[in-house]
Amino acid sequence: MSKPRMSMAGLMASALALGLFAPRAARSQSAEEIIDAHVKAMGGVEAIKALKSVSRKGGVAVTSATIGEMAGVMELVLIPGRKAYQKMDLGVFIQSGGWNGDVAWQNGMMGLQKLEGRQADQIRSQAWLNALVSSRVLGQEGSIAKLDDEKVGETDHHVLEITPPDGGPKLKIYVDKATHLIAQTKLKQTDDLSGAEMDVTIKESDFADYGGVKLPGKVVIELVGGPMGDLTLTTTYSETSVNGEVDQSIFEMPTPAAAAPSAPAGAAPSNP
């Protein structure tokens, strides 16, 4: 007696019961794979290493419930991984800062200052293009962990956390799964004067290719909980050049202005 044959419908039913056609969960990418994809999307290791200088200029707008709205010009000059210079001119308020590879400094409302610790890190970080590039290409140290994926709006993101080796604030980095570019970075930062803890979000968008490397055309920095209340600083770059000649003196800390000589003790004031 011949064995009964199973119909195609029966075979499919059996396969489904055994889970042979069940959808497989997508394999989770490691932190290393996410960073590799990001560096490739930026232009690749060789293109990044080929950058000798980056000079950028554009408009900057500051919005705060405390100080109102101001607009001006932002200038940024980098020697990737080695030096950085930034100047923000809002007319009534001008602040510049730099790092020459050794000394970090700032010149603004508080006068000319040599920076140390976290304040110096903020200036130095400008030279690294971004934290993931610095860890993979430019040799910056720090541990990196992969966190659970998150949505920002309707967009899926990988989330990485970088812990600096010097105990500085952790960086939570959101990498767009579709473009592999950094969409935003979050951290907590303590104001050195007031001691207030601020939530800082840095958003990057409008990427374009410069010398084979993608750079953001728009950078929005949101500060929440600072001593002057919530503040948003938006920079939109209109000029970018790479590998041009750079005046190296801009990275050096300016020489303090000499104080006016005081009159000798006991000397009578001169008559006009």
Protein backbone atom coordinates (compact mmCIF):
# COMPACT_ATOMS: atom_id res chain seq x y z
CA MET A 1 0.00 0.00 0.00
CA SER A 2 1.52 3.37 -1.03
CA LYS A 3 2.05 6.09 1.54
CA PRO A 4 -0.28 9.08 1.23
CA ARG A 5 1.42 12.11 -0.29
CA MET A 6 1.37 15.40 1.59
CA SER A 7 -0.10 18.27 -0.40
CA MET A 8 1.82 21.53 -0.95
CA ALA A 9 -0.55 23.21 1.49
CA GLY A 10 0.29 20.56 4.05
CA LEU A 11 4.03 21.05 3.52
CA MET A 12 3.70 24.80 3.99
CA ALA A 13 1.64 24.32 7.14
CA SER A 14 4.26 21.98 8.58
CA ALA A 15 7.08 24.39 7.71
CA LEU A 16 5.28 27.28 9.38
CA ALA A 17 4.64 25.15 12.46
CA LEU A 18 8.35 24.38 12.69
CA GLY A 19 9.22 28.06 12.30
CA LEU A 20 11.19 27.52 9.08
CA PHE A 21 9.65 30.61 7.48
CA ALA A 22 9.43 32.76 10.59
CA PRO A 23 10.98 36.21 10.07
CA ARG A 24 14.47 36.45 11.48
CA ALA A 25 15.39 39.34 13.72
CA ALA A 26 17.93 41.66 12.14
CA ARG A 27 21.40 41.14 13.55
CA SER A 28 22.35 43.94 15.89
CA GLN A 29 25.40 45.89 14.77
CA SER A 30 28.30 46.31 17.14
CA ALA A 31 29.74 49.69 18.13
CA GLU A 32 32.77 48.99 15.94
CA GLU A 33 30.60 48.27 12.90
CA ILE A 34 28.56 51.44 13.47
CA ILE A 35 31.73 53.54 13.71
CA ASP A 36 33.18 51.90 10.58
CA ALA A 37 30.00 52.70 8.64
CA HIS A 38 30.04 56.29 9.92
CA VAL A 39 33.67 56.89 8.93
CA LYS A 40 32.93 55.45 5.48
CA ALA A 41 29.88 57.72 5.12
CA MET A 42 32.01 60.73 6.13
CA GLY A 43 34.33 59.97 3.22
CA GLY A 44 36.60 57.26 4.52
CA VAL A 45 39.81 57.10 6.52
CA GLU A 46 42.11 58.20 3.70
CA ALA A 47 40.01 61.25 2.77
CA ILE A 48 39.79 62.34 6.41
CA LYS A 49 43.53 61.93 6.93
CA ALA A 50 44.15 63.94 3.75
CA LEU A 51 42.47 67.02 5.27
CA LYS A 52 45.21 69.51 6.12
CA SER A 53 42.95 72.39 7.10
CA VAL A 54 39.27 73.35 7.25
CA SER A 55 38.16 77.01 7.23
CA ARG A 56 34.47 77.85 7.67
CA LYS A 57 32.41 81.01 8.03
CA GLY A 58 28.69 81.63 8.33
CA GLY A 59 25.87 83.30 10.17
CA VAL A 60 25.11 82.62 13.81
CA ALA A 61 21.89 83.32 15.70
CA VAL A 62 21.48 83.20 19.47
CA THR A 63 18.02 82.92 21.04
CA SER A 64 17.37 83.13 24.78
CA ALA A 65 14.42 84.10 26.96
CA THR A 66 16.87 86.08 29.12
CA ILE A 67 18.97 87.97 26.56
CA GLY A 68 16.54 87.93 23.64
CA GLU A 69 17.83 87.41 20.10
CA MET A 70 21.20 88.30 18.61
CA ALA A 71 22.77 87.60 15.22
CA GLY A 72 26.29 87.77 13.90
CA VAL A 73 29.13 85.85 12.28
CA MET A 74 30.83 82.59 13.24
CA GLU A 75 34.33 81.68 12.04
CA LEU A 76 35.93 78.24 12.53
CA VAL A 77 39.43 77.14 11.47
CA LEU A 78 40.77 73.63 12.09
CA ILE A 79 43.96 71.70 11.57
CA PRO A 80 42.27 68.31 12.07
CA GLY A 81 43.45 66.60 15.23
CA ARG A 82 46.05 69.27 15.96
CA LYS A 83 44.73 72.85 16.25
CA ALA A 84 41.46 74.78 16.45
CA TYR A 85 40.27 78.40 16.37
CA GLN A 86 36.75 79.80 16.72
CA LYS A 87 35.42 83.34 16.78
CA MET A 88 31.83 84.47 17.34
CA ASP A 89 31.05 88.13 16.62
CA LEU A 90 27.60 89.29 17.72
CA GLY A 91 28.45 92.98 17.54
CA VAL A 92 27.90 93.83 21.21
CA PHE A 93 29.59 90.59 22.21
CA ILE A 94 32.73 89.08 20.68
CA GLN A 95 34.34 85.86 21.88
CA SER A 96 37.26 83.96 20.42
CA GLY A 97 39.14 80.87 21.52
CA GLY A 98 41.83 78.56 20.30
CA TRP A 99 44.11 75.59 20.85
CA ASN A 100 47.61 75.46 19.38
CA GLY A 101 48.13 71.78 20.15
CA ASP A 102 49.39 72.62 23.63
CA VAL A 103 47.69 75.67 25.15
CA ALA A 104 43.91 76.31 25.06
CA TRP A 105 42.62 79.85 25.59
CA GLN A 106 39.54 82.05 25.42
CA ASN A 107 39.07 85.79 25.05
CA GLY A 108 35.67 87.29 25.80
CA MET A 109 33.55 88.88 28.52
CA MET A 110 35.81 87.45 31.23
CA GLY A 111 38.92 88.75 29.49
CA LEU A 112 41.80 86.68 28.18
CA GLN A 113 42.07 83.30 29.94
CA LYS A 114 44.23 80.22 29.64
CA LEU A 115 41.89 77.25 29.87
CA GLU A 116 42.33 73.98 31.72
CA GLY A 117 40.25 70.85 32.26
CA ARG A 118 36.74 70.71 30.79
CA GLN A 119 36.94 74.26 29.43
CA ALA A 120 40.06 73.36 27.47
CA ASP A 121 38.39 70.15 26.24
CA GLN A 122 35.56 72.18 24.71
CA ILE A 123 38.03 74.13 22.57
CA ARG A 124 40.16 71.10 21.70
CA SER A 125 37.12 69.04 20.68
CA GLN A 126 36.56 71.38 17.73
CA ALA A 127 39.71 69.99 16.07
CA TRP A 128 38.46 66.40 16.01
CA LEU A 129 35.62 66.91 13.43
CA ASN A 130 33.46 64.66 15.63
CA ALA A 131 33.91 62.16 18.45
CA LEU A 132 33.57 59.03 16.30
CA VAL A 133 36.10 60.21 13.73
CA SER A 134 38.52 61.10 16.51
CA SER A 135 38.27 57.64 18.06
CA ARG A 136 38.80 55.77 14.79
CA VAL A 137 41.01 58.04 12.65
CA LEU A 138 42.73 60.68 14.76
CA GLY A 139 43.75 58.58 17.75
CA GLN A 140 41.65 60.13 20.52
CA GLU A 141 41.11 57.70 23.38
CA GLY A 142 37.99 56.79 25.33
CA SER A 143 35.68 53.80 25.80
CA ILE A 144 32.64 53.36 23.53
CA ALA A 145 29.50 51.38 24.38
CA LYS A 146 26.44 50.60 22.26
CA LEU A 147 23.12 51.54 23.84
CA ASP A 148 19.60 50.60 22.73
CA ASP A 149 18.48 52.05 19.41
CA GLU A 150 16.19 55.09 19.57
CA LYS A 151 13.89 57.04 17.30
CA VAL A 152 14.36 60.78 16.86
CA GLY A 153 11.12 61.95 15.32
CA GLU A 154 10.35 59.27 12.74
CA THR A 155 14.01 58.36 12.09
CA ASP A 156 15.74 55.29 13.55
CA HIS A 157 19.14 55.83 15.13
CA HIS A 158 21.96 53.77 16.54
CA VAL A 159 23.01 55.18 19.92
CA LEU A 160 26.59 55.09 21.18
CA GLU A 161 28.00 56.36 24.48
CA ILE A 162 31.58 57.62 24.72
CA THR A 163 33.26 57.88 28.11
CA PRO A 164 36.36 60.14 27.94
CA PRO A 165 39.51 58.76 29.62
CA ASP A 166 39.88 61.88 31.80
CA GLY A 167 36.50 61.57 33.52
CA GLY A 168 34.83 64.29 31.44
CA PRO A 169 31.11 64.24 30.58
CA LYS A 170 29.82 61.21 28.69
CA LEU A 171 28.68 61.78 25.12
CA LYS A 172 25.50 60.13 23.85
CA ILE A 173 25.76 60.03 20.06
CA TYR A 174 22.83 59.36 17.71
CA VAL A 175 23.83 57.93 14.31
CA ASP A 176 21.17 57.96 11.59
CA LYS A 177 20.69 54.34 10.45
CA ALA A 178 19.96 55.39 6.86
CA THR A 179 22.79 57.89 6.26
CA HIS A 180 25.25 56.62 8.92
CA LEU A 181 25.95 60.27 9.81
CA ILE A 182 25.70 61.78 13.28
CA ALA A 183 22.34 63.51 13.76
CA GLN A 184 22.84 64.71 17.32
CA THR A 185 25.03 64.48 20.40
CA LYS A 186 23.82 64.85 23.99
CA LEU A 187 25.76 65.49 27.19
CA LYS A 188 25.44 67.04 30.63
CA GLN A 189 27.76 69.93 31.37
CA THR A 190 28.39 71.93 34.55
CA ASP A 191 28.73 75.70 34.28
CA ASP A 192 32.05 76.60 35.91
CA LEU A 193 30.85 79.91 37.38
CA SER A 194 27.36 79.09 38.67
CA GLY A 195 27.71 75.33 39.17
CA ALA A 196 24.43 74.82 37.28
CA GLU A 197 24.13 71.52 35.41
CA MET A 198 23.04 72.00 31.81
CA ASP A 199 21.60 69.54 29.32
CA VAL A 200 23.40 70.12 26.01
CA THR A 201 22.15 68.87 22.64
CA ILE A 202 24.18 69.40 19.46
CA LYS A 203 22.25 68.79 16.24
CA GLU A 204 23.97 68.49 12.84
CA SER A 205 22.30 68.56 9.42
CA ASP A 206 22.61 69.71 5.79
CA PHE A 207 25.75 67.67 5.13
CA ALA A 208 27.78 68.42 1.99
CA ASP A 209 31.04 67.14 0.50
CA TYR A 210 34.23 69.19 0.95
CA GLY A 211 37.46 67.69 -0.27
CA GLY A 212 35.92 64.23 -0.19
CA VAL A 213 34.69 64.61 3.41
CA LYS A 214 31.10 65.33 4.47
CA LEU A 215 30.67 68.24 6.89
CA PRO A 216 27.42 69.63 8.37
CA GLY A 217 26.16 72.89 6.91
CA LYS A 218 24.01 73.61 9.96
CA VAL A 219 24.82 73.10 13.64
CA VAL A 220 22.28 73.82 16.39
CA ILE A 221 23.41 73.84 20.04
CA GLU A 222 20.66 73.77 22.67
CA LEU A 223 21.51 74.55 26.30
CA VAL A 224 18.83 73.78 28.88
CA GLY A 225 19.16 74.80 32.54
CA GLY A 226 22.09 77.19 32.20
CA PRO A 227 22.72 80.29 34.35
CA MET A 228 21.09 82.52 31.68
CA GLY A 229 18.18 80.16 31.16
CA ASP A 230 17.60 78.04 28.10
CA LEU A 231 19.62 79.14 25.07
CA THR A 232 19.84 78.06 21.42
CA LEU A 233 22.79 78.85 19.18
CA THR A 234 22.32 78.14 15.46
CA THR A 235 25.21 78.32 13.00
CA THR A 236 24.60 78.09 9.25
CA TYR A 237 27.86 77.89 7.29
CA SER A 238 27.91 79.69 3.93
CA GLU A 239 31.65 79.42 3.17
CA THR A 240 33.86 76.34 3.55
CA SER A 241 37.34 75.74 2.14
CA VAL A 242 39.69 72.84 2.75
CA ASN A 243 43.45 72.37 2.46
CA GLY A 244 44.09 76.10 2.00
CA GLU A 245 46.84 78.16 3.59
CA VAL A 246 46.10 79.07 7.21
CA ASP A 247 47.63 81.84 9.31
CA GLN A 248 49.10 79.73 12.12
CA SER A 249 49.25 82.71 14.49
CA ILE A 250 45.46 82.62 15.03
CA PHE A 251 45.83 79.46 17.13
CA GLU A 252 48.25 81.13 19.56
CA MET A 253 47.07 82.72 22.80
CA PRO A 254 47.15 86.52 22.35
CA THR A 255 49.63 88.54 24.36
CA PRO A 256 47.85 90.38 27.21
CA ALA A 257 47.65 94.12 26.72
CA ALA A 258 50.22 96.02 28.76
CA ALA A 259 48.79 97.95 31.70
CA ALA A 260 49.16 101.74 31.65
CA PRO A 261 52.09 102.90 33.85
CA SER A 262 51.01 104.27 37.22
CA ALA A 263 52.27 107.57 38.61
CA PRO A 264 55.09 107.37 41.19
CA ALA A 265 53.98 107.44 44.82
CA GLY A 266 53.68 110.99 46.14
CA ALA A 267 53.89 112.62 42.73
CA ALA A 268 51.58 115.58 42.20
CA PRO A 269 49.13 115.29 39.33
CA SER A 270 50.22 117.25 36.30
CA ASN A 271 48.25 120.34 35.28
CA PRO A 272 46.73 120.38 31.80
